[in-house]
Amino acid sequence: LMMDLDTMFEFKTDALLGYLTACPSMLGNSLHINVTAHLPKLGQEEDNLKRLCSVRGISVRKLQEGEDMFHLWNQQSLSITEHQTLKDFATAASNIVQLEGNTTKRIKK
């Protein structure tokens, strides 16, 4: 199959690096920022947390069942600079942490 594909297509190669490929998830500035956060209150309603993160441009995944630790990372890196990616992520992630703090304060009252 590879020999047939090689005759049909011209794959980009480099004498030193070999075949050149690209990962679609790394298009754009390829800056991937991630944070691990302890979100016990927001994590109780995982679907709501995913929605809160999604509208802020963050992806979220629970690290292990039974724990309140979540992995947050940026969704966008295409058509924006590294600086803008970092700025947007920092704003969004701090907003999520602030929401967690506000939720904890409301419950304690």
PDB file of N, CA and C in Angstrom:
ATOM      1  N   LEU A   1       0.821  -1.189   0.000  1.00  0.00           N
ATOM      2  CA  LEU A   1       0.000   0.000   0.000  1.00  0.00           C
ATOM      3  C   LEU A   1       0.870   1.259   0.000  1.00  0.00           C
ATOM      4  N   MET A   2       1.907   1.273   0.846  1.00  0.00           N
ATOM      5  CA  MET A   2       2.784   2.442   0.915  1.00  0.00           C
ATOM      6  C   MET A   2       3.508   2.675  -0.407  1.00  0.00           C
ATOM      7  N   MET A   3       3.890   1.611  -1.080  1.00  0.00           N
ATOM      8  CA  MET A   3       4.576   1.779  -2.372  1.00  0.00           C
ATOM      9  C   MET A   3       3.618   2.370  -3.398  1.00  0.00           C
ATOM     10  N   ASP A   4       2.351   1.941  -3.372  1.00  0.00           N
ATOM     11  CA  ASP A   4       1.352   2.508  -4.285  1.00  0.00           C
ATOM     12  C   ASP A   4       1.103   3.976  -3.975  1.00  0.00           C
ATOM     13  N   LEU A   5       0.975   4.307  -2.695  1.00  0.00           N
ATOM     14  CA  LEU A   5       0.773   5.702  -2.305  1.00  0.00           C
ATOM     15  C   LEU A   5       1.969   6.563  -2.695  1.00  0.00           C
ATOM     16  N   ASP A   6       3.162   6.007  -2.563  1.00  0.00           N
ATOM     17  CA  ASP A   6       4.374   6.748  -2.889  1.00  0.00           C
ATOM     18  C   ASP A   6       4.427   7.088  -4.382  1.00  0.00           C
ATOM     19  N   THR A   7       3.883   6.222  -5.217  1.00  0.00           N
ATOM     20  CA  THR A   7       3.870   6.516  -6.659  1.00  0.00           C
ATOM     21  C   THR A   7       2.767   7.511  -7.017  1.00  0.00           C
ATOM     22  N   MET A   8       1.693   7.540  -6.238  1.00  0.00           N
ATOM     23  CA  MET A   8       0.568   8.434  -6.519  1.00  0.00           C
ATOM     24  C   MET A   8       0.784   9.837  -5.959  1.00  0.00           C
ATOM     25  N   PHE A   9       1.498   9.959  -4.842  1.00  0.00           N
ATOM     26  CA  PHE A   9       1.679  11.245  -4.171  1.00  0.00           C
ATOM     27  C   PHE A   9       3.162  11.550  -4.000  1.00  0.00           C
ATOM     28  N   GLU A  10       3.463  12.822  -3.939  1.00  0.00           N
ATOM     29  CA  GLU A  10       4.835  13.219  -3.670  1.00  0.00           C
ATOM     30  C   GLU A  10       4.912  13.686  -2.213  1.00  0.00           C
ATOM     31  N   PHE A  11       5.451  12.840  -1.352  1.00  0.00           N
ATOM     32  CA  PHE A  11       5.571  13.173   0.054  1.00  0.00           C
ATOM     33  C   PHE A  11       6.796  14.062   0.260  1.00  0.00           C
ATOM     34  N   LYS A  12       6.662  15.040   1.145  1.00  0.00           N
ATOM     35  CA  LYS A  12       7.757  15.955   1.429  1.00  0.00           C
ATOM     36  C   LYS A  12       8.802  15.247   2.290  1.00  0.00           C
ATOM     37  N   THR A  13      10.039  15.293   1.831  1.00  0.00           N
ATOM     38  CA  THR A  13      11.126  14.679   2.589  1.00  0.00           C
ATOM     39  C   THR A  13      12.297  15.648   2.684  1.00  0.00           C
ATOM     40  N   ASP A  14      13.127  15.383   3.662  1.00  0.00           N
ATOM     41  CA  ASP A  14      14.349  16.141   3.864  1.00  0.00           C
ATOM     42  C   ASP A  14      15.462  15.120   4.051  1.00  0.00           C
ATOM     43  N   ALA A  15      16.613  15.387   3.457  1.00  0.00           N
ATOM     44  CA  ALA A  15      17.720  14.430   3.542  1.00  0.00           C
ATOM     45  C   ALA A  15      18.131  14.167   4.994  1.00  0.00           C
ATOM     46  N   LEU A  16      18.082  15.189   5.818  1.00  0.00           N
ATOM     47  CA  LEU A  16      18.486  15.042   7.216  1.00  0.00           C
ATOM     48  C   LEU A  16      17.350  14.561   8.116  1.00  0.00           C
ATOM     49  N   LEU A  17      16.120  15.103   7.906  1.00  0.00           N
ATOM     50  CA  LEU A  17      14.996  14.837   8.803  1.00  0.00           C
ATOM     51  C   LEU A  17      14.100  13.684   8.373  1.00  0.00           C
ATOM     52  N   GLY A  18      14.170  13.278   7.139  1.00  0.00           N
ATOM     53  CA  GLY A  18      13.296  12.219   6.635  1.00  0.00           C
ATOM     54  C   GLY A  18      11.970  12.789   6.162  1.00  0.00           C
ATOM     55  N   TYR A  19      10.891  12.031   6.324  1.00  0.00           N
ATOM     56  CA  TYR A  19       9.564  12.490   5.896  1.00  0.00           C
ATOM     57  C   TYR A  19       9.061  13.589   6.822  1.00  0.00           C
ATOM     58  N   LEU A  20       8.554  14.648   6.231  1.00  0.00           N
ATOM     59  CA  LEU A  20       8.036  15.766   6.998  1.00  0.00           C
ATOM     60  C   LEU A  20       6.527  15.641   7.112  1.00  0.00           C
ATOM     61  N   THR A  21       6.027  15.686   8.334  1.00  0.00           N
ATOM     62  CA  THR A  21       4.592  15.566   8.573  1.00  0.00           C
ATOM     63  C   THR A  21       4.147  16.681   9.502  1.00  0.00           C
ATOM     64  N   ALA A  22       2.865  16.862   9.600  1.00  0.00           N
ATOM     65  CA  ALA A  22       2.310  17.851  10.510  1.00  0.00           C
ATOM     66  C   ALA A  22       1.146  17.245  11.260  1.00  0.00           C
ATOM     67  N   CYS A  23       1.057  17.579  12.523  1.00  0.00           N
ATOM     68  CA  CYS A  23      -0.060  17.139  13.345  1.00  0.00           C
ATOM     69  C   CYS A  23      -1.110  18.245  13.328  1.00  0.00           C
ATOM     70  N   PRO A  24      -2.348  17.959  12.922  1.00  0.00           N
ATOM     71  CA  PRO A  24      -3.376  19.001  12.853  1.00  0.00           C
ATOM     72  C   PRO A  24      -3.590  19.734  14.173  1.00  0.00           C
ATOM     73  N   SER A  25      -3.366  19.071  15.301  1.00  0.00           N
ATOM     74  CA  SER A  25      -3.558  19.737  16.588  1.00  0.00           C
ATOM     75  C   SER A  25      -2.452  20.749  16.876  1.00  0.00           C
ATOM     76  N   MET A  26      -1.386  20.710  16.121  1.00  0.00           N
ATOM     77  CA  MET A  26      -0.275  21.621  16.348  1.00  0.00           C
ATOM     78  C   MET A  26      -0.211  22.734  15.302  1.00  0.00           C
ATOM     79  N   LEU A  27      -1.282  22.931  14.538  1.00  0.00           N
ATOM     80  CA  LEU A  27      -1.300  24.032  13.581  1.00  0.00           C
ATOM     81  C   LEU A  27      -1.392  25.350  14.328  1.00  0.00           C
ATOM     82  N   GLY A  28      -0.929  26.393  13.722  1.00  0.00           N
ATOM     83  CA  GLY A  28      -0.960  27.701  14.369  1.00  0.00           C
ATOM     84  C   GLY A  28       0.343  27.942  15.096  1.00  0.00           C
ATOM     85  N   ASN A  29       0.271  28.616  16.232  1.00  0.00           N
ATOM     86  CA  ASN A  29       1.510  28.937  16.946  1.00  0.00           C
ATOM     87  C   ASN A  29       2.042  27.741  17.737  1.00  0.00           C
ATOM     88  N   SER A  30       1.301  26.688  17.822  1.00  0.00           N
ATOM     89  CA  SER A  30       1.656  25.411  18.470  1.00  0.00           C
ATOM     90  C   SER A  30       1.963  25.535  19.960  1.00  0.00           C
ATOM     91  N   LEU A  31       1.533  26.634  20.576  1.00  0.00           N
ATOM     92  CA  LEU A  31       1.712  26.798  22.018  1.00  0.00           C
ATOM     93  C   LEU A  31       0.606  26.026  22.738  1.00  0.00           C
ATOM     94  N   HIS A  32       1.012  25.090  23.563  1.00  0.00           N
ATOM     95  CA  HIS A  32       0.067  24.257  24.308  1.00  0.00           C
ATOM     96  C   HIS A  32       0.291  24.534  25.795  1.00  0.00           C
ATOM     97  N   ILE A  33      -0.683  25.180  26.417  1.00  0.00           N
ATOM     98  CA  ILE A  33      -0.572  25.543  27.830  1.00  0.00           C
ATOM     99  C   ILE A  33      -1.509  24.641  28.619  1.00  0.00           C
ATOM    100  N   ASN A  34      -1.032  24.098  29.724  1.00  0.00           N
ATOM    101  CA  ASN A  34      -1.923  23.295  30.551  1.00  0.00           C
ATOM    102  C   ASN A  34      -1.666  23.551  32.026  1.00  0.00           C
ATOM    103  N   VAL A  35      -2.722  23.373  32.785  1.00  0.00           N
ATOM    104  CA  VAL A  35      -2.705  23.602  34.220  1.00  0.00           C
ATOM    105  C   VAL A  35      -3.468  22.462  34.882  1.00  0.00           C
ATOM    106  N   THR A  36      -3.001  22.042  36.039  1.00  0.00           N
ATOM    107  CA  THR A  36      -3.745  21.091  36.853  1.00  0.00           C
ATOM    108  C   THR A  36      -4.355  21.878  38.003  1.00  0.00           C
ATOM    109  N   ALA A  37      -5.673  21.757  38.157  1.00  0.00           N
ATOM    110  CA  ALA A  37      -6.372  22.550  39.169  1.00  0.00           C
ATOM    111  C   ALA A  37      -7.246  21.659  40.048  1.00  0.00           C
ATOM    112  N   HIS A  38      -7.317  22.027  41.310  1.00  0.00           N
ATOM    113  CA  HIS A  38      -8.178  21.342  42.260  1.00  0.00           C
ATOM    114  C   HIS A  38      -9.506  22.098  42.286  1.00  0.00           C
ATOM    115  N   LEU A  39     -10.559  21.488  41.762  1.00  0.00           N
ATOM    116  CA  LEU A  39     -11.868  22.136  41.642  1.00  0.00           C
ATOM    117  C   LEU A  39     -12.948  21.273  42.290  1.00  0.00           C
ATOM    118  N   PRO A  40     -12.975  21.180  43.625  1.00  0.00           N
ATOM    119  CA  PRO A  40     -13.923  20.278  44.280  1.00  0.00           C
ATOM    120  C   PRO A  40     -15.384  20.678  44.105  1.00  0.00           C
ATOM    121  N   LYS A  41     -15.687  21.970  44.112  1.00  0.00           N
ATOM    122  CA  LYS A  41     -17.095  22.398  44.001  1.00  0.00           C
ATOM    123  C   LYS A  41     -17.572  22.387  42.557  1.00  0.00           C
ATOM    124  N   LEU A  42     -16.817  23.017  41.661  1.00  0.00           N
ATOM    125  CA  LEU A  42     -17.222  23.018  40.247  1.00  0.00           C
ATOM    126  C   LEU A  42     -17.172  21.608  39.663  1.00  0.00           C
ATOM    127  N   GLY A  43     -16.269  20.779  40.185  1.00  0.00           N
ATOM    128  CA  GLY A  43     -16.124  19.416  39.689  1.00  0.00           C
ATOM    129  C   GLY A  43     -17.282  18.498  40.040  1.00  0.00           C
ATOM    130  N   GLN A  44     -18.143  18.925  40.979  1.00  0.00           N
ATOM    131  CA  GLN A  44     -19.300  18.094  41.339  1.00  0.00           C
ATOM    132  C   GLN A  44     -20.284  17.992  40.181  1.00  0.00           C
ATOM    133  N   GLU A  45     -20.335  19.010  39.355  1.00  0.00           N
ATOM    134  CA  GLU A  45     -21.184  18.991  38.163  1.00  0.00           C
ATOM    135  C   GLU A  45     -20.268  19.094  36.953  1.00  0.00           C
ATOM    136  N   GLU A  46     -19.718  17.955  36.538  1.00  0.00           N
ATOM    137  CA  GLU A  46     -18.709  17.924  35.485  1.00  0.00           C
ATOM    138  C   GLU A  46     -19.200  18.507  34.161  1.00  0.00           C
ATOM    139  N   ASP A  47     -20.451  18.246  33.802  1.00  0.00           N
ATOM    140  CA  ASP A  47     -20.989  18.781  32.549  1.00  0.00           C
ATOM    141  C   ASP A  47     -21.032  20.307  32.579  1.00  0.00           C
ATOM    142  N   ASN A  48     -21.399  20.867  33.720  1.00  0.00           N
ATOM    143  CA  ASN A  48     -21.428  22.316  33.875  1.00  0.00           C
ATOM    144  C   ASN A  48     -20.006  22.887  33.803  1.00  0.00           C
ATOM    145  N   LEU A  49     -19.049  22.211  34.428  1.00  0.00           N
ATOM    146  CA  LEU A  49     -17.657  22.651  34.383  1.00  0.00           C
ATOM    147  C   LEU A  49     -17.151  22.637  32.937  1.00  0.00           C
ATOM    148  N   LYS A  50     -17.474  21.591  32.196  1.00  0.00           N
ATOM    149  CA  LYS A  50     -17.048  21.516  30.796  1.00  0.00           C
ATOM    150  C   LYS A  50     -17.633  22.663  29.982  1.00  0.00           C
ATOM    151  N   ARG A  51     -18.884  23.011  30.257  1.00  0.00           N
ATOM    152  CA  ARG A  51     -19.527  24.122  29.545  1.00  0.00           C
ATOM    153  C   ARG A  51     -18.862  25.441  29.921  1.00  0.00           C
ATOM    154  N   LEU A  52     -18.610  25.650  31.225  1.00  0.00           N
ATOM    155  CA  LEU A  52     -17.948  26.873  31.678  1.00  0.00           C
ATOM    156  C   LEU A  52     -16.571  27.032  31.031  1.00  0.00           C
ATOM    157  N   CYS A  53     -15.850  25.933  30.933  1.00  0.00           N
ATOM    158  CA  CYS A  53     -14.517  25.981  30.329  1.00  0.00           C
ATOM    159  C   CYS A  53     -14.600  26.196  28.818  1.00  0.00           C
ATOM    160  N   SER A  54     -15.511  25.518  28.178  1.00  0.00           N
ATOM    161  CA  SER A  54     -15.628  25.603  26.722  1.00  0.00           C
ATOM    162  C   SER A  54     -15.917  27.018  26.243  1.00  0.00           C
ATOM    163  N   VAL A  55     -16.826  27.727  26.925  1.00  0.00           N
ATOM    164  CA  VAL A  55     -17.144  29.096  26.500  1.00  0.00           C
ATOM    165  C   VAL A  55     -15.963  30.036  26.741  1.00  0.00           C
ATOM    166  N   ARG A  56     -14.998  29.625  27.544  1.00  0.00           N
ATOM    167  CA  ARG A  56     -13.805  30.427  27.802  1.00  0.00           C
ATOM    168  C   ARG A  56     -12.610  29.967  26.970  1.00  0.00           C
ATOM    169  N   GLY A  57     -12.817  28.986  26.092  1.00  0.00           N
ATOM    170  CA  GLY A  57     -11.739  28.516  25.221  1.00  0.00           C
ATOM    171  C   GLY A  57     -10.774  27.550  25.879  1.00  0.00           C
ATOM    172  N   ILE A  58     -11.267  26.828  26.884  1.00  0.00           N
ATOM    173  CA  ILE A  58     -10.435  25.867  27.615  1.00  0.00           C
ATOM    174  C   ILE A  58     -11.053  24.474  27.486  1.00  0.00           C
ATOM    175  N   SER A  59     -10.197  23.484  27.301  1.00  0.00           N
ATOM    176  CA  SER A  59     -10.636  22.094  27.376  1.00  0.00           C
ATOM    177  C   SER A  59     -10.345  21.592  28.771  1.00  0.00           C
ATOM    178  N   VAL A  60     -11.162  20.660  29.248  1.00  0.00           N
ATOM    179  CA  VAL A  60     -11.000  20.153  30.612  1.00  0.00           C
ATOM    180  C   VAL A  60     -11.185  18.642  30.631  1.00  0.00           C
ATOM    181  N   ARG A  61     -10.407  17.997  31.504  1.00  0.00           N
ATOM    182  CA  ARG A  61     -10.512  16.549  31.669  1.00  0.00           C
ATOM    183  C   ARG A  61     -10.184  16.217  33.115  1.00  0.00           C
ATOM    184  N   LYS A  62     -10.985  15.354  33.719  1.00  0.00           N
ATOM    185  CA  LYS A  62     -10.740  14.908  35.094  1.00  0.00           C
ATOM    186  C   LYS A  62      -9.539  13.961  35.074  1.00  0.00           C
ATOM    187  N   LEU A  63      -8.641  14.147  36.039  1.00  0.00           N
ATOM    188  CA  LEU A  63      -7.434  13.324  36.049  1.00  0.00           C
ATOM    189  C   LEU A  63      -7.716  11.883  36.450  1.00  0.00           C
ATOM    190  N   GLN A  64      -8.435  11.656  37.553  1.00  0.00           N
ATOM    191  CA  GLN A  64      -8.776  10.302  37.990  1.00  0.00           C
ATOM    192  C   GLN A  64     -10.160  10.314  38.594  1.00  0.00           C
ATOM    193  N   GLU A  65     -10.849   9.200  38.465  1.00  0.00           N
ATOM    194  CA  GLU A  65     -12.173   9.089  39.088  1.00  0.00           C
ATOM    195  C   GLU A  65     -12.035   9.215  40.588  1.00  0.00           C
ATOM    196  N   GLY A  66     -12.994   9.893  41.187  1.00  0.00           N
ATOM    197  CA  GLY A  66     -13.001  10.026  42.628  1.00  0.00           C
ATOM    198  C   GLY A  66     -12.163  11.180  43.158  1.00  0.00           C
ATOM    199  N   GLU A  67     -11.410  11.844  42.297  1.00  0.00           N
ATOM    200  CA  GLU A  67     -10.596  12.984  42.718  1.00  0.00           C
ATOM    201  C   GLU A  67     -11.178  14.258  42.145  1.00  0.00           C
ATOM    202  N   ASP A  68     -10.795  15.382  42.715  1.00  0.00           N
ATOM    203  CA  ASP A  68     -11.288  16.681  42.257  1.00  0.00           C
ATOM    204  C   ASP A  68     -10.225  17.434  41.471  1.00  0.00           C
ATOM    205  N   MET A  69      -9.267  16.721  40.898  1.00  0.00           N
ATOM    206  CA  MET A  69      -8.189  17.339  40.136  1.00  0.00           C
ATOM    207  C   MET A  69      -8.549  17.298  38.642  1.00  0.00           C
ATOM    208  N   PHE A  70      -8.369  18.439  37.997  1.00  0.00           N
ATOM    209  CA  PHE A  70      -8.716  18.564  36.585  1.00  0.00           C
ATOM    210  C   PHE A  70      -7.538  19.126  35.800  1.00  0.00           C
ATOM    211  N   HIS A  71      -7.407  18.642  34.587  1.00  0.00           N
ATOM    212  CA  HIS A  71      -6.383  19.101  33.653  1.00  0.00           C
ATOM    213  C   HIS A  71      -7.059  20.097  32.713  1.00  0.00           C
ATOM    214  N   LEU A  72      -6.572  21.340  32.660  1.00  0.00           N
ATOM    215  CA  LEU A  72      -7.123  22.380  31.791  1.00  0.00           C
ATOM    216  C   LEU A  72      -6.085  22.745  30.746  1.00  0.00           C
ATOM    217  N   TRP A  73      -6.500  22.917  29.496  1.00  0.00           N
ATOM    218  CA  TRP A  73      -5.562  23.339  28.455  1.00  0.00           C
ATOM    219  C   TRP A  73      -6.267  24.204  27.418  1.00  0.00           C
ATOM    220  N   ASN A  74      -5.459  24.990  26.696  1.00  0.00           N
ATOM    221  CA  ASN A  74      -6.013  25.921  25.715  1.00  0.00           C
ATOM    222  C   ASN A  74      -6.542  25.185  24.482  1.00  0.00           C
ATOM    223  N   GLN A  75      -7.633  25.715  23.924  1.00  0.00           N
ATOM    224  CA  GLN A  75      -8.214  25.131  22.716  1.00  0.00           C
ATOM    225  C   GLN A  75      -7.679  25.781  21.452  1.00  0.00           C
ATOM    226  N   GLN A  76      -7.418  27.081  21.489  1.00  0.00           N
ATOM    227  CA  GLN A  76      -7.069  27.792  20.264  1.00  0.00           C
ATOM    228  C   GLN A  76      -5.603  28.173  20.219  1.00  0.00           C
ATOM    229  N   SER A  77      -5.006  27.936  19.062  1.00  0.00           N
ATOM    230  CA  SER A  77      -3.655  28.428  18.800  1.00  0.00           C
ATOM    231  C   SER A  77      -3.531  28.870  17.342  1.00  0.00           C
ATOM    232  N   LEU A  78      -4.580  28.663  16.573  1.00  0.00           N
ATOM    233  CA  LEU A  78      -4.575  29.023  15.159  1.00  0.00           C
ATOM    234  C   LEU A  78      -4.994  30.477  14.998  1.00  0.00           C
ATOM    235  N   SER A  79      -4.259  31.216  14.241  1.00  0.00           N
ATOM    236  CA  SER A  79      -4.527  32.610  13.862  1.00  0.00           C
ATOM    237  C   SER A  79      -4.357  33.607  15.000  1.00  0.00           C
ATOM    238  N   ILE A  80      -3.690  33.222  16.085  1.00  0.00           N
ATOM    239  CA  ILE A  80      -3.359  34.176  17.144  1.00  0.00           C
ATOM    240  C   ILE A  80      -1.901  33.984  17.556  1.00  0.00           C
ATOM    241  N   THR A  81      -1.324  35.004  18.122  1.00  0.00           N
ATOM    242  CA  THR A  81       0.085  34.941  18.533  1.00  0.00           C
ATOM    243  C   THR A  81       0.242  34.146  19.825  1.00  0.00           C
ATOM    244  N   GLU A  82       1.489  33.789  20.108  1.00  0.00           N
ATOM    245  CA  GLU A  82       1.778  33.088  21.357  1.00  0.00           C
ATOM    246  C   GLU A  82       1.390  33.951  22.554  1.00  0.00           C
ATOM    247  N   HIS A  83       1.691  35.240  22.469  1.00  0.00           N
ATOM    248  CA  HIS A  83       1.364  36.160  23.557  1.00  0.00           C
ATOM    249  C   HIS A  83      -0.137  36.192  23.807  1.00  0.00           C
ATOM    250  N   GLN A  84      -0.928  36.269  22.729  1.00  0.00           N
ATOM    251  CA  GLN A  84      -2.386  36.304  22.868  1.00  0.00           C
ATOM    252  C   GLN A  84      -2.915  34.977  23.408  1.00  0.00           C
ATOM    253  N   THR A  85      -2.327  33.868  22.984  1.00  0.00           N
ATOM    254  CA  THR A  85      -2.716  32.552  23.500  1.00  0.00           C
ATOM    255  C   THR A  85      -2.503  32.494  25.010  1.00  0.00           C
ATOM    256  N   LEU A  86      -1.329  32.923  25.451  1.00  0.00           N
ATOM    257  CA  LEU A  86      -1.020  32.910  26.882  1.00  0.00           C
ATOM    258  C   LEU A  86      -1.942  33.850  27.653  1.00  0.00           C
ATOM    259  N   LYS A  87      -2.162  35.025  27.125  1.00  0.00           N
ATOM    260  CA  LYS A  87      -3.029  36.010  27.785  1.00  0.00           C
ATOM    261  C   LYS A  87      -4.457  35.487  27.913  1.00  0.00           C
ATOM    262  N   ASP A  88      -5.002  34.946  26.821  1.00  0.00           N
ATOM    263  CA  ASP A  88      -6.371  34.411  26.843  1.00  0.00           C
ATOM    264  C   ASP A  88      -6.504  33.257  27.824  1.00  0.00           C
ATOM    265  N   PHE A  89      -5.515  32.356  27.816  1.00  0.00           N
ATOM    266  CA  PHE A  89      -5.574  31.202  28.715  1.00  0.00           C
ATOM    267  C   PHE A  89      -5.472  31.639  30.167  1.00  0.00           C
ATOM    268  N   ALA A  90      -4.556  32.553  30.459  1.00  0.00           N
ATOM    269  CA  ALA A  90      -4.393  33.028  31.837  1.00  0.00           C
ATOM    270  C   ALA A  90      -5.676  33.670  32.352  1.00  0.00           C
ATOM    271  N   THR A  91      -6.319  34.468  31.519  1.00  0.00           N
ATOM    272  CA  THR A  91      -7.575  35.113  31.909  1.00  0.00           C
ATOM    273  C   THR A  91      -8.665  34.075  32.151  1.00  0.00           C
ATOM    274  N   ALA A  92      -8.797  33.129  31.218  1.00  0.00           N
ATOM    275  CA  ALA A  92      -9.845  32.111  31.330  1.00  0.00           C
ATOM    276  C   ALA A  92      -9.613  31.191  32.525  1.00  0.00           C
ATOM    277  N   ALA A  93      -8.379  30.731  32.710  1.00  0.00           N
ATOM    278  CA  ALA A  93      -8.083  29.821  33.817  1.00  0.00           C
ATOM    279  C   ALA A  93      -8.274  30.516  35.165  1.00  0.00           C
ATOM    280  N   SER A  94      -7.841  31.772  35.278  1.00  0.00           N
ATOM    281  CA  SER A  94      -8.034  32.479  36.547  1.00  0.00           C
ATOM    282  C   SER A  94      -9.515  32.724  36.816  1.00  0.00           C
ATOM    283  N   ASN A  95     -10.289  32.900  35.740  1.00  0.00           N
ATOM    284  CA  ASN A  95     -11.733  33.055  35.893  1.00  0.00           C
ATOM    285  C   ASN A  95     -12.371  31.779  36.435  1.00  0.00           C
ATOM    286  N   ILE A  96     -11.939  30.636  35.958  1.00  0.00           N
ATOM    287  CA  ILE A  96     -12.459  29.348  36.447  1.00  0.00           C
ATOM    288  C   ILE A  96     -12.090  29.166  37.922  1.00  0.00           C
ATOM    289  N   VAL A  97     -10.854  29.481  38.284  1.00  0.00           N
ATOM    290  CA  VAL A  97     -10.415  29.357  39.679  1.00  0.00           C
ATOM    291  C   VAL A  97     -11.199  30.322  40.563  1.00  0.00           C
ATOM    292  N   GLN A  98     -11.456  31.514  40.059  1.00  0.00           N
ATOM    293  CA  GLN A  98     -12.248  32.492  40.810  1.00  0.00           C
ATOM    294  C   GLN A  98     -13.683  31.988  41.005  1.00  0.00           C
ATOM    295  N   LEU A  99     -14.262  31.375  39.973  1.00  0.00           N
ATOM    296  CA  LEU A  99     -15.602  30.792  40.108  1.00  0.00           C
ATOM    297  C   LEU A  99     -15.613  29.701  41.181  1.00  0.00           C
ATOM    298  N   GLU A 100     -14.569  28.896  41.228  1.00  0.00           N
ATOM    299  CA  GLU A 100     -14.443  27.859  42.261  1.00  0.00           C
ATOM    300  C   GLU A 100     -14.427  28.503  43.640  1.00  0.00           C
ATOM    301  N   GLY A 101     -13.657  29.577  43.803  1.00  0.00           N
ATOM    302  CA  GLY A 101     -13.586  30.282  45.078  1.00  0.00           C
ATOM    303  C   GLY A 101     -14.920  30.882  45.471  1.00  0.00           C
ATOM    304  N   ASN A 102     -15.625  31.480  44.511  1.00  0.00           N
ATOM    305  CA  ASN A 102     -16.940  32.065  44.795  1.00  0.00           C
ATOM    306  C   ASN A 102     -17.941  30.988  45.184  1.00  0.00           C
ATOM    307  N   THR A 103     -17.875  29.843  44.550  1.00  0.00           N
ATOM    308  CA  THR A 103     -18.766  28.728  44.867  1.00  0.00           C
ATOM    309  C   THR A 103     -18.504  28.245  46.286  1.00  0.00           C
ATOM    310  N   THR A 104     -17.245  28.137  46.657  1.00  0.00           N
ATOM    311  CA  THR A 104     -16.888  27.699  48.014  1.00  0.00           C
ATOM    312  C   THR A 104     -17.380  28.684  49.054  1.00  0.00           C
ATOM    313  N   LYS A 105     -17.234  29.992  48.782  1.00  0.00           N
ATOM    314  CA  LYS A 105     -17.692  31.020  49.728  1.00  0.00           C
ATOM    315  C   LYS A 105     -19.204  30.965  49.925  1.00  0.00           C
ATOM    316  N   ARG A 106     -19.955  30.781  48.826  1.00  0.00           N
ATOM    317  CA  ARG A 106     -21.424  30.719  48.935  1.00  0.00           C
ATOM    318  C   ARG A 106     -21.869  29.526  49.757  1.00  0.00           C
ATOM    319  N   ILE A 107     -21.195  28.423  49.622  1.00  0.00           N
ATOM    320  CA  ILE A 107     -21.579  27.210  50.340  1.00  0.00           C
ATOM    321  C   ILE A 107     -21.285  27.348  51.826  1.00  0.00           C
ATOM    322  N   LYS A 108     -20.191  28.036  52.198  1.00  0.00           N
ATOM    323  CA  LYS A 108     -19.822  28.183  53.608  1.00  0.00           C
ATOM    324  C   LYS A 108     -20.768  29.097  54.358  1.00  0.00           C
ATOM    325  N   LYS A 109     -21.406  30.049  53.693  1.00  0.00           N
ATOM    326  CA  LYS A 109     -22.318  31.002  54.370  1.00  0.00           C
ATOM    327  C   LYS A 109     -23.566  30.368  54.868  1.00  0.00           C
TER     328      LYS A 109
END
